[in-house]
Protein backbone atom coordinates (compact mmCIF):
# COMPACT_ATOMS: atom_id res chain seq x y z
CA MET A 1 108.64 114.51 77.57
CA GLN A 2 112.23 114.71 78.76
CA PRO A 3 114.73 114.08 75.96
CA GLY A 4 117.36 111.44 76.62
CA ARG A 5 120.98 112.46 76.90
CA ASN A 6 124.23 110.52 76.71
CA GLY A 7 122.51 107.38 75.45
CA ARG A 8 119.72 107.46 78.03
CA PRO A 9 116.14 106.92 76.85
CA SER A 10 113.67 109.77 76.56
CA ARG A 11 111.14 109.85 79.40
CA TYR A 12 107.41 110.42 79.05
CA ARG A 13 105.10 111.28 81.92
CA CYS A 14 101.38 111.99 82.19
CA THR A 15 100.87 115.45 83.68
CA THR A 16 97.27 115.18 84.86
CA LEU A 17 96.76 115.26 88.61
CA THR A 18 95.29 111.77 89.00
CA CYS A 19 97.64 109.95 86.62
CA ASP A 20 101.05 108.59 87.57
CA TRP A 21 101.82 106.97 84.21
CA GLU A 22 105.44 107.13 83.15
CA ALA A 23 107.35 105.43 80.34
CA ASN A 24 110.57 105.75 78.40
CA SER A 25 111.58 105.37 74.78
CA LYS A 26 112.97 101.89 75.44
CA ASP A 27 109.62 100.51 76.65
CA ASP A 28 108.35 97.80 74.33
CA GLY A 29 104.83 99.20 73.97
CA LEU A 30 103.18 96.35 75.84
CA TRP A 31 102.99 98.47 78.97
CA ALA A 32 99.76 100.04 77.72
CA SER A 33 98.07 96.62 77.80
CA VAL A 34 98.73 96.19 81.53
CA HIS A 35 98.52 99.84 82.63
CA ASP A 36 96.90 99.92 86.02
CA ALA A 37 97.77 101.98 89.07
CA GLY A 38 98.82 98.77 90.86
CA TRP A 39 101.62 98.00 88.38
CA LEU A 40 105.03 99.50 89.17
CA THR A 41 108.28 99.97 87.31
CA LEU A 42 111.40 98.46 88.85
CA ALA A 43 112.44 101.85 90.25
CA ASP A 44 108.95 102.51 91.65
CA ALA A 45 108.80 99.06 93.25
CA ALA A 46 112.17 99.56 94.92
CA ARG A 47 111.23 103.05 96.10
CA LEU A 48 107.91 101.80 97.51
CA VAL A 49 109.60 99.35 99.88
CA GLN A 50 112.75 101.43 100.42
CA ARG A 51 115.06 98.94 98.73
CA THR A 52 117.38 99.14 95.75
CA PRO A 53 116.39 98.05 92.24
CA GLY A 54 119.05 95.34 92.56
CA THR A 55 117.24 93.91 95.58
CA VAL A 56 113.97 93.72 93.66
CA ARG A 57 115.80 92.03 90.76
CA ASN A 58 117.22 89.50 93.24
CA TRP A 59 113.69 88.70 94.41
CA VAL A 60 112.81 87.89 90.81
CA THR A 61 115.90 85.67 90.49
CA GLN A 62 114.91 83.90 93.71
CA LYS A 63 111.38 83.38 92.28
CA LEU A 64 109.86 85.42 95.11
CA LEU A 65 108.45 87.98 92.71
CA GLU A 66 107.21 87.60 89.15
CA PRO A 67 107.22 90.61 86.83
CA GLN A 68 104.63 90.96 84.08
CA VAL A 69 105.82 92.77 80.96
CA GLY A 70 108.63 94.27 83.03
CA ARG A 71 106.30 95.62 85.73
CA TYR A 72 105.67 94.51 89.30
CA TRP A 73 102.32 94.23 91.05
CA GLN A 74 102.33 96.56 94.06
CA ASP A 75 100.74 94.10 96.51
CA ASP A 76 103.28 91.39 95.57
CA VAL A 77 106.20 93.75 96.13
CA VAL A 78 104.90 94.76 99.54
CA THR A 79 104.27 91.11 100.50
CA VAL A 80 107.81 90.04 99.60
CA ALA A 81 109.35 93.03 101.39
CA THR A 82 107.29 92.33 104.49
CA ARG A 83 108.31 88.66 104.51
CA LYS A 84 111.96 89.61 104.02
CA ARG A 85 111.73 91.87 107.05
CA GLY A 86 110.50 88.94 109.12
CA GLU A 87 106.98 90.24 109.57
CA THR A 88 103.75 88.52 108.59
CA ALA A 89 101.94 89.81 105.55
């Protein structure tokens, strides 16, 4: 756990080698019901396709990407990024 400072949420991270689970104190608790290695946070989704979180949010606004409980399916993120780059998925 990393305590939050200056109004930021506390962060929690699994420390086992095969687990990449991460959450923060502002998560609504529903994340556990969809926890799967293929689900990404906004920051992780942006990092995966080398874009900004704002770009990923714009894809949601444009109905190109649909989050589930605030998470993004990895394959969907890659597909949208690939299409945006003018390549075929």
